[in-house]
Amino acid sequence: MVILAEPVTDITPARRAGLGFLDELDAQGLLQGDPERTKITRVGYGITTEFPPAVYIPVDGVRRVAYGDFQALIPAHLITNNNLAAGNGGVCGGDSGGPALWKDPVTGEETVVSLTSWTP
């Protein structure tokens, strides 16, 4: 939780998923199949890697965005594919607390569906 010294009034807060949101998307087949429908956007300020060759860049205060394919939905966890060879990016140390967003393929609206809390 972040407590701000002054109210922020010039931004629109992100839409948050309600209870069972991901379960419903999964039941409708909206988390698997078409790559355009399954990308999950993750945002964070953690460590990153540049290729080639592999060079690790420590936490530097830069906000980065990674896109990953849906992999699995299990109790309390949304798992995404972090395989760079498959065109996916991932989360890393220092990204905890950052949002994961699902983009509605019809409206384009993004919904916060989870927060990064650990990296397998």
PDB file of N, CA and C in Angstrom:
ATOM      1  N   MET A   1       0.834  -1.150   0.000  1.00  0.00           N
ATOM      2  CA  MET A   1       0.000   0.000   0.000  1.00  0.00           C
ATOM      3  C   MET A   1       0.892   1.230   0.000  1.00  0.00           C
ATOM      4  N   VAL A   2       0.499   2.206  -0.769  1.00  0.00           N
ATOM      5  CA  VAL A   2       1.209   3.474  -0.816  1.00  0.00           C
ATOM      6  C   VAL A   2       0.253   4.558  -0.331  1.00  0.00           C
ATOM      7  N   ILE A   3       0.697   5.348   0.611  1.00  0.00           N
ATOM      8  CA  ILE A   3      -0.106   6.466   1.100  1.00  0.00           C
ATOM      9  C   ILE A   3       0.526   7.733   0.560  1.00  0.00           C
ATOM     10  N   LEU A   4      -0.231   8.458  -0.227  1.00  0.00           N
ATOM     11  CA  LEU A   4       0.269   9.674  -0.862  1.00  0.00           C
ATOM     12  C   LEU A   4       0.022  10.890   0.021  1.00  0.00           C
ATOM     13  N   ALA A   5       0.936  11.841  -0.049  1.00  0.00           N
ATOM     14  CA  ALA A   5       0.819  13.055   0.750  1.00  0.00           C
ATOM     15  C   ALA A   5      -0.316  13.945   0.248  1.00  0.00           C
ATOM     16  N   GLU A   6      -0.580  13.885  -1.061  1.00  0.00           N
ATOM     17  CA  GLU A   6      -1.636  14.699  -1.660  1.00  0.00           C
ATOM     18  C   GLU A   6      -2.463  13.843  -2.611  1.00  0.00           C
ATOM     19  N   PRO A   7      -3.746  14.174  -2.773  1.00  0.00           N
ATOM     20  CA  PRO A   7      -4.575  13.403  -3.711  1.00  0.00           C
ATOM     21  C   PRO A   7      -4.087  13.557  -5.150  1.00  0.00           C
ATOM     22  N   VAL A   8      -4.192  12.486  -5.925  1.00  0.00           N
ATOM     23  CA  VAL A   8      -3.871  12.520  -7.347  1.00  0.00           C
ATOM     24  C   VAL A   8      -5.209  12.582  -8.073  1.00  0.00           C
ATOM     25  N   THR A   9      -5.400  13.639  -8.857  1.00  0.00           N
ATOM     26  CA  THR A   9      -6.710  13.842  -9.482  1.00  0.00           C
ATOM     27  C   THR A   9      -6.663  13.857 -11.006  1.00  0.00           C
ATOM     28  N   ASP A  10      -5.473  13.765 -11.592  1.00  0.00           N
ATOM     29  CA  ASP A  10      -5.375  13.913 -13.050  1.00  0.00           C
ATOM     30  C   ASP A  10      -5.144  12.589 -13.779  1.00  0.00           C
ATOM     31  N   ILE A  11      -5.425  11.441 -13.131  1.00  0.00           N
ATOM     32  CA  ILE A  11      -5.307  10.150 -13.796  1.00  0.00           C
ATOM     33  C   ILE A  11      -6.574   9.330 -13.526  1.00  0.00           C
ATOM     34  N   THR A  12      -6.819   8.385 -14.396  1.00  0.00           N
ATOM     35  CA  THR A  12      -7.928   7.465 -14.192  1.00  0.00           C
ATOM     36  C   THR A  12      -7.352   6.156 -13.645  1.00  0.00           C
ATOM     37  N   PRO A  13      -7.822   5.708 -12.492  1.00  0.00           N
ATOM     38  CA  PRO A  13      -7.292   4.456 -11.939  1.00  0.00           C
ATOM     39  C   PRO A  13      -7.570   3.281 -12.873  1.00  0.00           C
ATOM     40  N   ALA A  14      -6.704   2.296 -12.803  1.00  0.00           N
ATOM     41  CA  ALA A  14      -6.884   1.103 -13.617  1.00  0.00           C
ATOM     42  C   ALA A  14      -8.121   0.340 -13.147  1.00  0.00           C
ATOM     43  N   ARG A  15      -8.750  -0.354 -14.086  1.00  0.00           N
ATOM     44  CA  ARG A  15      -9.890  -1.211 -13.756  1.00  0.00           C
ATOM     45  C   ARG A  15      -9.353  -2.458 -13.062  1.00  0.00           C
ATOM     46  N   ARG A  16      -9.946  -2.829 -11.942  1.00  0.00           N
ATOM     47  CA  ARG A  16      -9.525  -4.013 -11.206  1.00  0.00           C
ATOM     48  C   ARG A  16     -10.477  -5.162 -11.490  1.00  0.00           C
ATOM     49  N   ALA A  17      -9.919  -6.351 -11.599  1.00  0.00           N
ATOM     50  CA  ALA A  17     -10.732  -7.546 -11.807  1.00  0.00           C
ATOM     51  C   ALA A  17     -11.522  -7.861 -10.546  1.00  0.00           C
ATOM     52  N   GLY A  18     -12.746  -8.288 -10.721  1.00  0.00           N
ATOM     53  CA  GLY A  18     -13.565  -8.715  -9.598  1.00  0.00           C
ATOM     54  C   GLY A  18     -13.313 -10.176  -9.267  1.00  0.00           C
ATOM     55  N   LEU A  19     -13.917 -10.632  -8.215  1.00  0.00           N
ATOM     56  CA  LEU A  19     -13.798 -12.008  -7.773  1.00  0.00           C
ATOM     57  C   LEU A  19     -14.244 -12.950  -8.886  1.00  0.00           C
ATOM     58  N   GLY A  20     -13.420 -13.913  -9.225  1.00  0.00           N
ATOM     59  CA  GLY A  20     -13.752 -14.901 -10.252  1.00  0.00           C
ATOM     60  C   GLY A  20     -13.539 -14.439 -11.684  1.00  0.00           C
ATOM     61  N   PHE A  21     -12.978 -13.252 -11.886  1.00  0.00           N
ATOM     62  CA  PHE A  21     -12.787 -12.700 -13.236  1.00  0.00           C
ATOM     63  C   PHE A  21     -11.963 -13.634 -14.119  1.00  0.00           C
ATOM     64  N   LEU A  22     -10.801 -14.075 -13.617  1.00  0.00           N
ATOM     65  CA  LEU A  22      -9.943 -14.958 -14.407  1.00  0.00           C
ATOM     66  C   LEU A  22     -10.584 -16.325 -14.617  1.00  0.00           C
ATOM     67  N   ASP A  23     -11.295 -16.825 -13.613  1.00  0.00           N
ATOM     68  CA  ASP A  23     -12.000 -18.102 -13.773  1.00  0.00           C
ATOM     69  C   ASP A  23     -13.015 -18.010 -14.911  1.00  0.00           C
ATOM     70  N   GLU A  24     -13.731 -16.890 -14.987  1.00  0.00           N
ATOM     71  CA  GLU A  24     -14.726 -16.698 -16.048  1.00  0.00           C
ATOM     72  C   GLU A  24     -14.057 -16.590 -17.421  1.00  0.00           C
ATOM     73  N   LEU A  25     -12.959 -15.837 -17.508  1.00  0.00           N
ATOM     74  CA  LEU A  25     -12.234 -15.748 -18.778  1.00  0.00           C
ATOM     75  C   LEU A  25     -11.750 -17.125 -19.214  1.00  0.00           C
ATOM     76  N   ASP A  26     -11.238 -17.890 -18.251  1.00  0.00           N
ATOM     77  CA  ASP A  26     -10.747 -19.227 -18.563  1.00  0.00           C
ATOM     78  C   ASP A  26     -11.889 -20.123 -19.057  1.00  0.00           C
ATOM     79  N   ALA A  27     -13.035 -20.046 -18.394  1.00  0.00           N
ATOM     80  CA  ALA A  27     -14.194 -20.858 -18.790  1.00  0.00           C
ATOM     81  C   ALA A  27     -14.669 -20.501 -20.197  1.00  0.00           C
ATOM     82  N   GLN A  28     -14.517 -19.236 -20.590  1.00  0.00           N
ATOM     83  CA  GLN A  28     -14.932 -18.777 -21.919  1.00  0.00           C
ATOM     84  C   GLN A  28     -13.852 -19.025 -22.974  1.00  0.00           C
ATOM     85  N   GLY A  29     -12.698 -19.552 -22.561  1.00  0.00           N
ATOM     86  CA  GLY A  29     -11.605 -19.798 -23.495  1.00  0.00           C
ATOM     87  C   GLY A  29     -10.857 -18.545 -23.895  1.00  0.00           C
ATOM     88  N   LEU A  30     -10.976 -17.487 -23.098  1.00  0.00           N
ATOM     89  CA  LEU A  30     -10.338 -16.216 -23.436  1.00  0.00           C
ATOM     90  C   LEU A  30      -8.921 -16.082 -22.891  1.00  0.00           C
ATOM     91  N   LEU A  31      -8.406 -17.132 -22.276  1.00  0.00           N
ATOM     92  CA  LEU A  31      -7.026 -17.090 -21.785  1.00  0.00           C
ATOM     93  C   LEU A  31      -6.107 -17.995 -22.580  1.00  0.00           C
ATOM     94  N   GLN A  32      -6.648 -18.800 -23.479  1.00  0.00           N
ATOM     95  CA  GLN A  32      -5.829 -19.734 -24.241  1.00  0.00           C
ATOM     96  C   GLN A  32      -6.155 -19.619 -25.723  1.00  0.00           C
ATOM     97  N   GLY A  33      -5.239 -20.086 -26.543  1.00  0.00           N
ATOM     98  CA  GLY A  33      -5.495 -20.116 -27.982  1.00  0.00           C
ATOM     99  C   GLY A  33      -4.868 -18.961 -28.715  1.00  0.00           C
ATOM    100  N   ASP A  34      -5.658 -18.027 -29.150  1.00  0.00           N
ATOM    101  CA  ASP A  34      -5.224 -16.890 -29.951  1.00  0.00           C
ATOM    102  C   ASP A  34      -4.222 -16.039 -29.169  1.00  0.00           C
ATOM    103  N   PRO A  35      -2.961 -15.919 -29.647  1.00  0.00           N
ATOM    104  CA  PRO A  35      -1.955 -15.146 -28.912  1.00  0.00           C
ATOM    105  C   PRO A  35      -2.366 -13.703 -28.645  1.00  0.00           C
ATOM    106  N   GLU A  36      -3.156 -13.112 -29.511  1.00  0.00           N
ATOM    107  CA  GLU A  36      -3.594 -11.735 -29.278  1.00  0.00           C
ATOM    108  C   GLU A  36      -4.550 -11.650 -28.087  1.00  0.00           C
ATOM    109  N   ARG A  37      -5.197 -12.750 -27.749  1.00  0.00           N
ATOM    110  CA  ARG A  37      -6.149 -12.761 -26.646  1.00  0.00           C
ATOM    111  C   ARG A  37      -5.506 -13.193 -25.340  1.00  0.00           C
ATOM    112  N   THR A  38      -4.320 -13.751 -25.409  1.00  0.00           N
ATOM    113  CA  THR A  38      -3.737 -14.362 -24.217  1.00  0.00           C
ATOM    114  C   THR A  38      -2.550 -13.603 -23.646  1.00  0.00           C
ATOM    115  N   LYS A  39      -2.100 -12.561 -24.282  1.00  0.00           N
ATOM    116  CA  LYS A  39      -0.958 -11.822 -23.754  1.00  0.00           C
ATOM    117  C   LYS A  39      -1.342 -11.131 -22.453  1.00  0.00           C
ATOM    118  N   ILE A  40      -0.481 -11.291 -21.478  1.00  0.00           N
ATOM    119  CA  ILE A  40      -0.634 -10.625 -20.193  1.00  0.00           C
ATOM    120  C   ILE A  40       0.501  -9.611 -20.096  1.00  0.00           C
ATOM    121  N   THR A  41       0.171  -8.366 -19.834  1.00  0.00           N
ATOM    122  CA  THR A  41       1.161  -7.299 -19.718  1.00  0.00           C
ATOM    123  C   THR A  41       1.579  -7.173 -18.262  1.00  0.00           C
ATOM    124  N   ARG A  42       2.896  -7.214 -18.015  1.00  0.00           N
ATOM    125  CA  ARG A  42       3.425  -7.037 -16.662  1.00  0.00           C
ATOM    126  C   ARG A  42       4.285  -5.776 -16.645  1.00  0.00           C
ATOM    127  N   VAL A  43       4.193  -5.031 -15.564  1.00  0.00           N
ATOM    128  CA  VAL A  43       4.923  -3.776 -15.425  1.00  0.00           C
ATOM    129  C   VAL A  43       5.725  -3.823 -14.133  1.00  0.00           C
ATOM    130  N   GLY A  44       6.974  -3.377 -14.190  1.00  0.00           N
ATOM    131  CA  GLY A  44       7.789  -3.375 -12.981  1.00  0.00           C
ATOM    132  C   GLY A  44       9.041  -2.533 -13.118  1.00  0.00           C
ATOM    133  N   TYR A  45       9.759  -2.437 -12.027  1.00  0.00           N
ATOM    134  CA  TYR A  45      10.986  -1.636 -11.936  1.00  0.00           C
ATOM    135  C   TYR A  45      12.202  -2.485 -11.579  1.00  0.00           C
ATOM    136  N   GLY A  46      12.137  -3.790 -11.793  1.00  0.00           N
ATOM    137  CA  GLY A  46      13.180  -4.700 -11.328  1.00  0.00           C
ATOM    138  C   GLY A  46      14.352  -4.852 -12.279  1.00  0.00           C
ATOM    139  N   ILE A  47      15.137  -5.874 -11.987  1.00  0.00           N
ATOM    140  CA  ILE A  47      16.309  -6.233 -12.779  1.00  0.00           C
ATOM    141  C   ILE A  47      15.863  -6.616 -14.185  1.00  0.00           C
ATOM    142  N   THR A  48      16.700  -6.373 -15.180  1.00  0.00           N
ATOM    143  CA  THR A  48      16.382  -6.797 -16.538  1.00  0.00           C
ATOM    144  C   THR A  48      17.622  -7.407 -17.179  1.00  0.00           C
ATOM    145  N   THR A  49      17.410  -8.081 -18.284  1.00  0.00           N
ATOM    146  CA  THR A  49      18.504  -8.713 -19.014  1.00  0.00           C
ATOM    147  C   THR A  49      18.458  -8.257 -20.463  1.00  0.00           C
ATOM    148  N   GLU A  50      19.601  -7.870 -20.996  1.00  0.00           N
ATOM    149  CA  GLU A  50      19.717  -7.513 -22.414  1.00  0.00           C
ATOM    150  C   GLU A  50      20.464  -8.642 -23.112  1.00  0.00           C
ATOM    151  N   PHE A  51      20.060  -8.960 -24.340  1.00  0.00           N
ATOM    152  CA  PHE A  51      20.689 -10.020 -25.126  1.00  0.00           C
ATOM    153  C   PHE A  51      21.090  -9.483 -26.477  1.00  0.00           C
ATOM    154  N   PRO A  52      21.941 -10.146 -27.250  1.00  0.00           N
ATOM    155  CA  PRO A  52      23.063 -10.949 -26.785  1.00  0.00           C
ATOM    156  C   PRO A  52      24.257 -10.054 -26.534  1.00  0.00           C
ATOM    157  N   PRO A  53      25.225 -10.469 -25.814  1.00  0.00           N
ATOM    158  CA  PRO A  53      25.209 -11.567 -24.859  1.00  0.00           C
ATOM    159  C   PRO A  53      24.375 -11.158 -23.649  1.00  0.00           C
ATOM    160  N   ALA A  54      24.094 -12.090 -22.763  1.00  0.00           N
ATOM    161  CA  ALA A  54      23.287 -11.801 -21.576  1.00  0.00           C
ATOM    162  C   ALA A  54      24.010 -10.813 -20.667  1.00  0.00           C
ATOM    163  N   VAL A  55      23.423  -9.647 -20.498  1.00  0.00           N
ATOM    164  CA  VAL A  55      23.959  -8.621 -19.613  1.00  0.00           C
ATOM    165  C   VAL A  55      22.839  -8.262 -18.639  1.00  0.00           C
ATOM    166  N   TYR A  56      23.089  -8.442 -17.358  1.00  0.00           N
ATOM    167  CA  TYR A  56      22.089  -8.133 -16.352  1.00  0.00           C
ATOM    168  C   TYR A  56      22.190  -6.665 -15.962  1.00  0.00           C
ATOM    169  N   ILE A  57      21.068  -5.977 -15.999  1.00  0.00           N
ATOM    170  CA  ILE A  57      21.007  -4.569 -15.622  1.00  0.00           C
ATOM    171  C   ILE A  57      20.306  -4.492 -14.275  1.00  0.00           C
ATOM    172  N   PRO A  58      21.008  -4.003 -13.243  1.00  0.00           N
ATOM    173  CA  PRO A  58      20.401  -3.960 -11.909  1.00  0.00           C
ATOM    174  C   PRO A  58      19.253  -2.943 -11.854  1.00  0.00           C
ATOM    175  N   VAL A  59      18.524  -2.981 -10.757  1.00  0.00           N
ATOM    176  CA  VAL A  59      17.429  -2.035 -10.557  1.00  0.00           C
ATOM    177  C   VAL A  59      17.966  -0.619 -10.770  1.00  0.00           C
ATOM    178  N   ASP A  60      17.328   0.106 -11.693  1.00  0.00           N
ATOM    179  CA  ASP A  60      17.819   1.443 -12.038  1.00  0.00           C
ATOM    180  C   ASP A  60      16.715   2.496 -12.038  1.00  0.00           C
ATOM    181  N   GLY A  61      15.528   2.147 -11.537  1.00  0.00           N
ATOM    182  CA  GLY A  61      14.439   3.113 -11.463  1.00  0.00           C
ATOM    183  C   GLY A  61      13.655   3.274 -12.750  1.00  0.00           C
ATOM    184  N   VAL A  62      13.973   2.484 -13.782  1.00  0.00           N
ATOM    185  CA  VAL A  62      13.270   2.578 -15.061  1.00  0.00           C
ATOM    186  C   VAL A  62      12.088   1.598 -15.051  1.00  0.00           C
ATOM    187  N   ARG A  63      10.909   2.102 -15.398  1.00  0.00           N
ATOM    188  CA  ARG A  63       9.734   1.236 -15.509  1.00  0.00           C
ATOM    189  C   ARG A  63       9.802   0.490 -16.830  1.00  0.00           C
ATOM    190  N   ARG A  64       9.646  -0.830 -16.755  1.00  0.00           N
ATOM    191  CA  ARG A  64       9.687  -1.656 -17.960  1.00  0.00           C
ATOM    192  C   ARG A  64       8.389  -2.438 -18.095  1.00  0.00           C
ATOM    193  N   VAL A  65       8.072  -2.790 -19.337  1.00  0.00           N
ATOM    194  CA  VAL A  65       6.863  -3.541 -19.640  1.00  0.00           C
ATOM    195  C   VAL A  65       7.267  -4.832 -20.329  1.00  0.00           C
ATOM    196  N   ALA A  66       6.668  -5.936 -19.920  1.00  0.00           N
ATOM    197  CA  ALA A  66       6.923  -7.237 -20.546  1.00  0.00           C
ATOM    198  C   ALA A  66       5.578  -7.865 -20.903  1.00  0.00           C
ATOM    199  N   TYR A  67       5.570  -8.591 -22.000  1.00  0.00           N
ATOM    200  CA  TYR A  67       4.360  -9.261 -22.457  1.00  0.00           C
ATOM    201  C   TYR A  67       4.619 -10.757 -22.431  1.00  0.00           C
ATOM    202  N   GLY A  68       3.708 -11.509 -21.827  1.00  0.00           N
ATOM    203  CA  GLY A  68       3.868 -12.951 -21.745  1.00  0.00           C
ATOM    204  C   GLY A  68       2.569 -13.659 -22.052  1.00  0.00           C
ATOM    205  N   ASP A  69       2.689 -14.866 -22.573  1.00  0.00           N
ATOM    206  CA  ASP A  69       1.515 -15.681 -22.864  1.00  0.00           C
ATOM    207  C   ASP A  69       0.980 -16.306 -21.584  1.00  0.00           C
ATOM    208  N   PHE A  70      -0.344 -16.419 -21.506  1.00  0.00           N
ATOM    209  CA  PHE A  70      -0.980 -17.148 -20.414  1.00  0.00           C
ATOM    210  C   PHE A  70      -0.476 -18.580 -20.442  1.00  0.00           C
ATOM    211  N   GLN A  71      -0.157 -19.113 -19.270  1.00  0.00           N
ATOM    212  CA  GLN A  71       0.297 -20.494 -19.189  1.00  0.00           C
ATOM    213  C   GLN A  71      -0.631 -21.342 -18.325  1.00  0.00           C
ATOM    214  N   ALA A  72      -0.990 -20.841 -17.142  1.00  0.00           N
ATOM    215  CA  ALA A  72      -1.845 -21.621 -16.256  1.00  0.00           C
ATOM    216  C   ALA A  72      -2.522 -20.716 -15.235  1.00  0.00           C
ATOM    217  N   LEU A  73      -3.654 -21.178 -14.780  1.00  0.00           N
ATOM    218  CA  LEU A  73      -4.386 -20.513 -13.708  1.00  0.00           C
ATOM    219  C   LEU A  73      -4.587 -21.562 -12.620  1.00  0.00           C
ATOM    220  N   ILE A  74      -3.955 -21.331 -11.484  1.00  0.00           N
ATOM    221  CA  ILE A  74      -4.078 -22.254 -10.358  1.00  0.00           C
ATOM    222  C   ILE A  74      -4.514 -21.433  -9.147  1.00  0.00           C
ATOM    223  N   PRO A  75      -5.019 -22.083  -8.104  1.00  0.00           N
ATOM    224  CA  PRO A  75      -5.470 -21.309  -6.948  1.00  0.00           C
ATOM    225  C   PRO A  75      -4.404 -20.312  -6.480  1.00  0.00           C
ATOM    226  N   ALA A  76      -4.782 -19.065  -6.442  1.00  0.00           N
ATOM    227  CA  ALA A  76      -3.951 -17.954  -5.962  1.00  0.00           C
ATOM    228  C   ALA A  76      -2.839 -17.523  -6.908  1.00  0.00           C
ATOM    229  N   HIS A  77      -2.705 -18.140  -8.108  1.00  0.00           N
ATOM    230  CA  HIS A  77      -1.613 -17.757  -8.991  1.00  0.00           C
ATOM    231  C   HIS A  77      -2.021 -17.743 -10.459  1.00  0.00           C
ATOM    232  N   LEU A  78      -1.587 -16.721 -11.151  1.00  0.00           N
ATOM    233  CA  LEU A  78      -1.678 -16.627 -12.602  1.00  0.00           C
ATOM    234  C   LEU A  78      -0.262 -16.852 -13.112  1.00  0.00           C
ATOM    235  N   ILE A  79      -0.056 -17.887 -13.913  1.00  0.00           N
ATOM    236  CA  ILE A  79       1.272 -18.221 -14.410  1.00  0.00           C
ATOM    237  C   ILE A  79       1.350 -17.810 -15.879  1.00  0.00           C
ATOM    238  N   THR A  80       2.412 -17.107 -16.245  1.00  0.00           N
ATOM    239  CA  THR A  80       2.626 -16.699 -17.633  1.00  0.00           C
ATOM    240  C   THR A  80       3.958 -17.250 -18.122  1.00  0.00           C
ATOM    241  N   ASN A  81       4.093 -17.358 -19.434  1.00  0.00           N
ATOM    242  CA  ASN A  81       5.315 -17.861 -20.050  1.00  0.00           C
ATOM    243  C   ASN A  81       6.326 -16.730 -20.117  1.00  0.00           C
ATOM    244  N   ASN A  82       7.494 -16.938 -19.541  1.00  0.00           N
ATOM    245  CA  ASN A  82       8.553 -15.929 -19.517  1.00  0.00           C
ATOM    246  C   ASN A  82       9.710 -16.294 -20.438  1.00  0.00           C
ATOM    247  N   ASN A  83       9.450 -17.061 -21.479  1.00  0.00           N
ATOM    248  CA  ASN A  83      10.491 -17.567 -22.368  1.00  0.00           C
ATOM    249  C   ASN A  83      10.822 -16.544 -23.459  1.00  0.00           C
ATOM    250  N   LEU A  84      11.996 -15.938 -23.377  1.00  0.00           N
ATOM    251  CA  LEU A  84      12.403 -14.939 -24.366  1.00  0.00           C
ATOM    252  C   LEU A  84      12.471 -15.523 -25.773  1.00  0.00           C
ATOM    253  N   ALA A  85      12.845 -16.782 -25.892  1.00  0.00           N
ATOM    254  CA  ALA A  85      12.939 -17.428 -27.208  1.00  0.00           C
ATOM    255  C   ALA A  85      11.567 -17.540 -27.874  1.00  0.00           C
ATOM    256  N   ALA A  86      10.502 -17.508 -27.082  1.00  0.00           N
ATOM    257  CA  ALA A  86       9.139 -17.584 -27.621  1.00  0.00           C
ATOM    258  C   ALA A  86       8.531 -16.197 -27.796  1.00  0.00           C
ATOM    259  N   GLY A  87       9.351 -15.149 -27.596  1.00  0.00           N
ATOM    260  CA  GLY A  87       8.861 -13.784 -27.764  1.00  0.00           C
ATOM    261  C   GLY A  87       8.171 -13.226 -26.538  1.00  0.00           C
ATOM    262  N   ASN A  88       8.383 -13.867 -25.389  1.00  0.00           N
ATOM    263  CA  ASN A  88       7.765 -13.411 -24.146  1.00  0.00           C
ATOM    264  C   ASN A  88       8.812 -12.808 -23.231  1.00  0.00           C
ATOM    265  N   GLY A  89       8.387 -11.839 -22.455  1.00  0.00           N
ATOM    266  CA  GLY A  89       9.237 -11.269 -21.431  1.00  0.00           C
ATOM    267  C   GLY A  89       8.712 -11.694 -20.086  1.00  0.00           C
ATOM    268  N   GLY A  90       9.435 -11.383 -19.041  1.00  0.00           N
ATOM    269  CA  GLY A  90       8.991 -11.826 -17.732  1.00  0.00           C
ATOM    270  C   GLY A  90       9.270 -10.834 -16.642  1.00  0.00           C
ATOM    271  N   VAL A  91       8.984 -11.269 -15.437  1.00  0.00           N
ATOM    272  CA  VAL A  91       9.242 -10.446 -14.269  1.00  0.00           C
ATOM    273  C   VAL A  91      10.531 -10.922 -13.624  1.00  0.00           C
ATOM    274  N   CYS A  92      11.089 -10.066 -12.775  1.00  0.00           N
ATOM    275  CA  CYS A  92      12.353 -10.398 -12.140  1.00  0.00           C
ATOM    276  C   CYS A  92      12.403  -9.731 -10.775  1.00  0.00           C
ATOM    277  N   GLY A  93      13.488  -9.965 -10.052  1.00  0.00           N
ATOM    278  CA  GLY A  93      13.653  -9.355  -8.751  1.00  0.00           C
ATOM    279  C   GLY A  93      13.450  -7.850  -8.812  1.00  0.00           C
ATOM    280  N   GLY A  94      12.666  -7.313  -7.910  1.00  0.00           N
ATOM    281  CA  GLY A  94      12.390  -5.881  -7.869  1.00  0.00           C
ATOM    282  C   GLY A  94      11.069  -5.508  -8.520  1.00  0.00           C
ATOM    283  N   ASP A  95      10.401  -6.473  -9.167  1.00  0.00           N
ATOM    284  CA  ASP A  95       9.123  -6.200  -9.823  1.00  0.00           C
ATOM    285  C   ASP A  95       7.919  -6.430  -8.920  1.00  0.00           C
ATOM    286  N   SER A  96       8.140  -6.961  -7.723  1.00  0.00           N
ATOM    287  CA  SER A  96       7.030  -7.262  -6.825  1.00  0.00           C
ATOM    288  C   SER A  96       6.148  -6.048  -6.592  1.00  0.00           C
ATOM    289  N   GLY A  97       4.846  -6.306  -6.637  1.00  0.00           N
ATOM    290  CA  GLY A  97       3.859  -5.240  -6.462  1.00  0.00           C
ATOM    291  C   GLY A  97       3.391  -4.638  -7.767  1.00  0.00           C
ATOM    292  N   GLY A  98       4.123  -4.920  -8.856  1.00  0.00           N
ATOM    293  CA  GLY A  98       3.729  -4.406 -10.162  1.00  0.00           C
ATOM    294  C   GLY A  98       2.508  -5.144 -10.692  1.00  0.00           C
ATOM    295  N   PRO A  99       1.706  -4.495 -11.529  1.00  0.00           N
ATOM    296  CA  PRO A  99       0.477  -5.106 -12.019  1.00  0.00           C
ATOM    297  C   PRO A  99       0.693  -6.041 -13.199  1.00  0.00           C
ATOM    298  N   ALA A 100      -0.236  -6.983 -13.340  1.00  0.00           N
ATOM    299  CA  ALA A 100      -0.370  -7.811 -14.535  1.00  0.00           C
ATOM    300  C   ALA A 100      -1.744  -7.475 -15.099  1.00  0.00           C
ATOM    301  N   LEU A 101      -1.783  -7.157 -16.394  1.00  0.00           N
ATOM    302  CA  LEU A 101      -3.028  -6.708 -17.009  1.00  0.00           C
ATOM    303  C   LEU A 101      -3.449  -7.616 -18.156  1.00  0.00           C
ATOM    304  N   TRP A 102      -4.749  -7.867 -18.242  1.00  0.00           N
ATOM    305  CA  TRP A 102      -5.349  -8.596 -19.364  1.00  0.00           C
ATOM    306  C   TRP A 102      -6.081  -7.569 -20.210  1.00  0.00           C
ATOM    307  N   LYS A 103      -5.846  -7.640 -21.534  1.00  0.00           N
ATOM    308  CA  LYS A 103      -6.464  -6.685 -22.456  1.00  0.00           C
ATOM    309  C   LYS A 103      -7.642  -7.343 -23.162  1.00  0.00           C
ATOM    310  N   ASP A 104      -8.805  -6.727 -23.038  1.00  0.00           N
ATOM    311  CA  ASP A 104     -10.007  -7.242 -23.693  1.00  0.00           C
ATOM    312  C   ASP A 104      -9.817  -7.146 -25.201  1.00  0.00           C
ATOM    313  N   PRO A 105      -9.913  -8.270 -25.929  1.00  0.00           N
ATOM    314  CA  PRO A 105      -9.661  -8.241 -27.374  1.00  0.00           C
ATOM    315  C   PRO A 105     -10.716  -7.476 -28.168  1.00  0.00           C
ATOM    316  N   VAL A 106     -11.871  -7.226 -27.580  1.00  0.00           N
ATOM    317  CA  VAL A 106     -12.939  -6.503 -28.279  1.00  0.00           C
ATOM    318  C   VAL A 106     -12.870  -5.006 -27.998  1.00  0.00           C
ATOM    319  N   THR A 107     -12.796  -4.632 -26.723  1.00  0.00           N
ATOM    320  CA  THR A 107     -12.833  -3.210 -26.354  1.00  0.00           C
ATOM    321  C   THR A 107     -11.451  -2.583 -26.223  1.00  0.00           C
ATOM    322  N   GLY A 108     -10.411  -3.415 -26.027  1.00  0.00           N
ATOM    323  CA  GLY A 108      -9.069  -2.886 -25.813  1.00  0.00           C
ATOM    324  C   GLY A 108      -8.826  -2.430 -24.385  1.00  0.00           C
ATOM    325  N   GLU A 109      -9.852  -2.515 -23.534  1.00  0.00           N
ATOM    326  CA  GLU A 109      -9.714  -2.086 -22.147  1.00  0.00           C
ATOM    327  C   GLU A 109      -8.838  -3.067 -21.382  1.00  0.00           C
ATOM    328  N   GLU A 110      -7.923  -2.523 -20.571  1.00  0.00           N
ATOM    329  CA  GLU A 110      -7.045  -3.361 -19.765  1.00  0.00           C
ATOM    330  C   GLU A 110      -7.587  -3.458 -18.340  1.00  0.00           C
ATOM    331  N   THR A 111      -7.452  -4.647 -17.777  1.00  0.00           N
ATOM    332  CA  THR A 111      -7.911  -4.910 -16.417  1.00  0.00           C
ATOM    333  C   THR A 111      -6.758  -5.491 -15.621  1.00  0.00           C
ATOM    334  N   VAL A 112      -6.513  -4.951 -14.436  1.00  0.00           N
ATOM    335  CA  VAL A 112      -5.495  -5.506 -13.547  1.00  0.00           C
ATOM    336  C   VAL A 112      -6.036  -6.824 -13.014  1.00  0.00           C
ATOM    337  N   VAL A 113      -5.336  -7.922 -13.343  1.00  0.00           N
ATOM    338  CA  VAL A 113      -5.800  -9.253 -12.941  1.00  0.00           C
ATOM    339  C   VAL A 113      -4.951  -9.875 -11.840  1.00  0.00           C
ATOM    340  N   SER A 114      -3.770  -9.337 -11.613  1.00  0.00           N
ATOM    341  CA  SER A 114      -2.918  -9.847 -10.530  1.00  0.00           C
ATOM    342  C   SER A 114      -1.783  -8.870 -10.269  1.00  0.00           C
ATOM    343  N   LEU A 115      -1.052  -9.157  -9.209  1.00  0.00           N
ATOM    344  CA  LEU A 115       0.157  -8.395  -8.875  1.00  0.00           C
ATOM    345  C   LEU A 115       1.312  -9.374  -8.803  1.00  0.00           C
ATOM    346  N   THR A 116       2.476  -8.905  -9.209  1.00  0.00           N
ATOM    347  CA  THR A 116       3.673  -9.740  -9.132  1.00  0.00           C
ATOM    348  C   THR A 116       4.053  -9.880  -7.664  1.00  0.00           C
ATOM    349  N   SER A 117       4.191 -11.132  -7.217  1.00  0.00           N
ATOM    350  CA  SER A 117       4.558 -11.343  -5.822  1.00  0.00           C
ATOM    351  C   SER A 117       5.706 -12.327  -5.665  1.00  0.00           C
ATOM    352  N   TRP A 118       6.028 -13.080  -6.697  1.00  0.00           N
ATOM    353  CA  TRP A 118       7.172 -13.993  -6.669  1.00  0.00           C
ATOM    354  C   TRP A 118       7.491 -14.382  -8.103  1.00  0.00           C
ATOM    355  N   THR A 119       8.718 -14.821  -8.290  1.00  0.00           N
ATOM    356  CA  THR A 119       9.145 -15.237  -9.616  1.00  0.00           C
ATOM    357  C   THR A 119       9.642 -16.666  -9.530  1.00  0.00           C
ATOM    358  N   PRO A 120       8.983 -17.597 -10.254  1.00  0.00           N
ATOM    359  CA  PRO A 120       9.421 -18.996 -10.175  1.00  0.00           C
ATOM    360  C   PRO A 120      10.767 -19.198 -10.842  1.00  0.00           C
TER     361      PRO A 120
END
